[in-house]
Amino acid sequence: MLKFTKNLLLNLYLQYELVTCIYMFEPWEKKLINSFVLLTLSLIIFSSCVYLPSYIETFLKFLSPLPREEGSASYTPMLHTEKISMS
């Protein structure tokens, strides 16, 4: 099982090198490019985990209708905005 996993990861890395054409670079250039790719991916994952839930919640609040007040004959949806807290 361990050998299979190792071979799978090596195969995926080989495919990554072939698709991005970094197989032709020198080792120090590969490390530099890979570090930029990892940094970019980590920032995307971090920002998705931190900011995306509040953006989705705000978007869903914008799409959902406001509750109807009792006694009002007609309902007219209004744009409801609120500040997003960073807590």
C-alpha atoms as a PDB file:
ATOM      1  CA  MET A   1       0.000   0.000   0.000  1.00  0.00           C
ATOM      2  CA  LEU A   2       2.823   2.392   0.847  1.00  0.00           C
ATOM      3  CA  LYS A   3       4.611   1.595  -2.399  1.00  0.00           C
ATOM      4  CA  PHE A   4       1.390   2.173  -4.358  1.00  0.00           C
ATOM      5  CA  THR A   5       0.881   5.569  -2.709  1.00  0.00           C
ATOM      6  CA  LYS A   6       4.474   6.555  -3.356  1.00  0.00           C
ATOM      7  CA  ASN A   7       4.193   5.566  -7.016  1.00  0.00           C
ATOM      8  CA  LEU A   8       0.923   7.456  -7.340  1.00  0.00           C
ATOM      9  CA  LEU A   9       2.425  10.635  -5.897  1.00  0.00           C
ATOM     10  CA  LEU A  10       5.484  10.347  -8.106  1.00  0.00           C
ATOM     11  CA  ASN A  11       3.273   9.844 -11.134  1.00  0.00           C
ATOM     12  CA  LEU A  12       1.193  12.906 -10.245  1.00  0.00           C
ATOM     13  CA  TYR A  13       4.334  14.990  -9.789  1.00  0.00           C
ATOM     14  CA  LEU A  14       5.652  13.784 -13.142  1.00  0.00           C
ATOM     15  CA  GLN A  15       2.391  14.805 -14.786  1.00  0.00           C
ATOM     16  CA  TYR A  16       2.627  18.206 -13.083  1.00  0.00           C
ATOM     17  CA  GLU A  17       6.158  18.655 -14.426  1.00  0.00           C
ATOM     18  CA  LEU A  18       5.103  17.676 -17.926  1.00  0.00           C
ATOM     19  CA  VAL A  19       2.042  19.917 -17.996  1.00  0.00           C
ATOM     20  CA  THR A  20       3.875  22.964 -16.659  1.00  0.00           C
ATOM     21  CA  CYS A  21       7.063  22.178 -18.640  1.00  0.00           C
ATOM     22  CA  ILE A  22       9.294  22.599 -15.611  1.00  0.00           C
ATOM     23  CA  TYR A  23      11.009  19.284 -16.288  1.00  0.00           C
ATOM     24  CA  MET A  24      13.486  21.135 -18.527  1.00  0.00           C
ATOM     25  CA  PHE A  25      14.638  23.579 -15.853  1.00  0.00           C
ATOM     26  CA  GLU A  26      17.591  23.225 -13.557  1.00  0.00           C
ATOM     27  CA  PRO A  27      16.914  21.947 -10.020  1.00  0.00           C
ATOM     28  CA  TRP A  28      17.186  25.382  -8.380  1.00  0.00           C
ATOM     29  CA  GLU A  29      14.734  26.805 -10.914  1.00  0.00           C
ATOM     30  CA  LYS A  30      12.313  23.964 -10.249  1.00  0.00           C
ATOM     31  CA  LYS A  31      12.451  24.678  -6.517  1.00  0.00           C
ATOM     32  CA  LEU A  32      11.830  28.370  -7.101  1.00  0.00           C
ATOM     33  CA  ILE A  33       8.849  27.762  -9.381  1.00  0.00           C
ATOM     34  CA  ASN A  34       7.424  25.087  -7.076  1.00  0.00           C
ATOM     35  CA  SER A  35       7.721  27.432  -4.103  1.00  0.00           C
ATOM     36  CA  PHE A  36       5.739  30.105  -5.964  1.00  0.00           C
ATOM     37  CA  VAL A  37       3.082  27.558  -6.900  1.00  0.00           C
ATOM     38  CA  LEU A  38       2.832  26.289  -3.304  1.00  0.00           C
ATOM     39  CA  LEU A  39       2.698  29.815  -1.926  1.00  0.00           C
ATOM     40  CA  THR A  40      -0.073  30.772  -4.334  1.00  0.00           C
ATOM     41  CA  LEU A  41      -2.082  27.628  -3.576  1.00  0.00           C
ATOM     42  CA  SER A  42      -1.697  28.082   0.163  1.00  0.00           C
ATOM     43  CA  LEU A  43      -2.876  31.712  -0.047  1.00  0.00           C
ATOM     44  CA  ILE A  44      -5.881  30.693  -2.141  1.00  0.00           C
ATOM     45  CA  ILE A  45      -6.817  27.928   0.319  1.00  0.00           C
ATOM     46  CA  PHE A  46      -6.331  30.207   3.330  1.00  0.00           C
ATOM     47  CA  SER A  47      -8.396  33.037   1.890  1.00  0.00           C
ATOM     48  CA  SER A  48     -11.117  30.588   0.833  1.00  0.00           C
ATOM     49  CA  CYS A  49     -11.367  29.205   4.359  1.00  0.00           C
ATOM     50  CA  VAL A  50     -11.334  32.627   6.028  1.00  0.00           C
ATOM     51  CA  TYR A  51     -13.315  34.911   3.720  1.00  0.00           C
ATOM     52  CA  LEU A  52     -15.512  32.730   1.533  1.00  0.00           C
ATOM     53  CA  PRO A  53     -18.033  31.688   4.237  1.00  0.00           C
ATOM     54  CA  SER A  54     -18.874  35.299   5.118  1.00  0.00           C
ATOM     55  CA  TYR A  55     -19.126  36.241   1.428  1.00  0.00           C
ATOM     56  CA  ILE A  56     -21.482  33.339   0.784  1.00  0.00           C
ATOM     57  CA  GLU A  57     -23.567  34.248   3.829  1.00  0.00           C
ATOM     58  CA  THR A  58     -23.847  37.861   2.667  1.00  0.00           C
ATOM     59  CA  PHE A  59     -24.742  36.716  -0.845  1.00  0.00           C
ATOM     60  CA  LEU A  60     -27.442  34.379   0.469  1.00  0.00           C
ATOM     61  CA  LYS A  61     -28.869  37.160   2.640  1.00  0.00           C
ATOM     62  CA  PHE A  62     -28.990  39.361  -0.448  1.00  0.00           C
ATOM     63  CA  LEU A  63     -30.830  36.685  -2.440  1.00  0.00           C
ATOM     64  CA  SER A  64     -33.300  35.663   0.241  1.00  0.00           C
ATOM     65  CA  PRO A  65     -36.406  37.819   0.614  1.00  0.00           C
ATOM     66  CA  LEU A  66     -36.760  40.005   3.659  1.00  0.00           C
ATOM     67  CA  PRO A  67     -39.344  38.820   6.205  1.00  0.00           C
ATOM     68  CA  ARG A  68     -42.805  40.295   5.717  1.00  0.00           C
ATOM     69  CA  GLU A  69     -43.996  42.627   8.448  1.00  0.00           C
ATOM     70  CA  GLU A  70     -47.341  41.816   9.988  1.00  0.00           C
ATOM     71  CA  GLY A  71     -50.130  44.081   8.868  1.00  0.00           C
ATOM     72  CA  SER A  72     -48.526  45.160   5.595  1.00  0.00           C
ATOM     73  CA  ALA A  73     -50.667  44.458   2.545  1.00  0.00           C
ATOM     74  CA  SER A  74     -47.905  44.302  -0.023  1.00  0.00           C
ATOM     75  CA  TYR A  75     -44.313  43.252   0.146  1.00  0.00           C
ATOM     76  CA  THR A  76     -41.647  45.142  -1.775  1.00  0.00           C
ATOM     77  CA  PRO A  77     -38.138  43.733  -1.476  1.00  0.00           C
ATOM     78  CA  MET A  78     -35.455  46.292  -0.751  1.00  0.00           C
ATOM     79  CA  LEU A  79     -31.726  46.057  -1.052  1.00  0.00           C
ATOM     80  CA  HIS A  80     -30.464  45.080   2.390  1.00  0.00           C
ATOM     81  CA  THR A  81     -26.750  45.688   2.986  1.00  0.00           C
ATOM     82  CA  GLU A  82     -24.728  45.398   6.126  1.00  0.00           C
ATOM     83  CA  LYS A  83     -21.082  45.673   6.986  1.00  0.00           C
ATOM     84  CA  ILE A  84     -19.065  42.479   7.159  1.00  0.00           C
ATOM     85  CA  SER A  85     -17.193  42.097  10.415  1.00  0.00           C
ATOM     86  CA  MET A  86     -13.738  40.534  10.344  1.00  0.00           C
ATOM     87  CA  SER A  87     -14.113  38.599  13.588  1.00  0.00           C
END
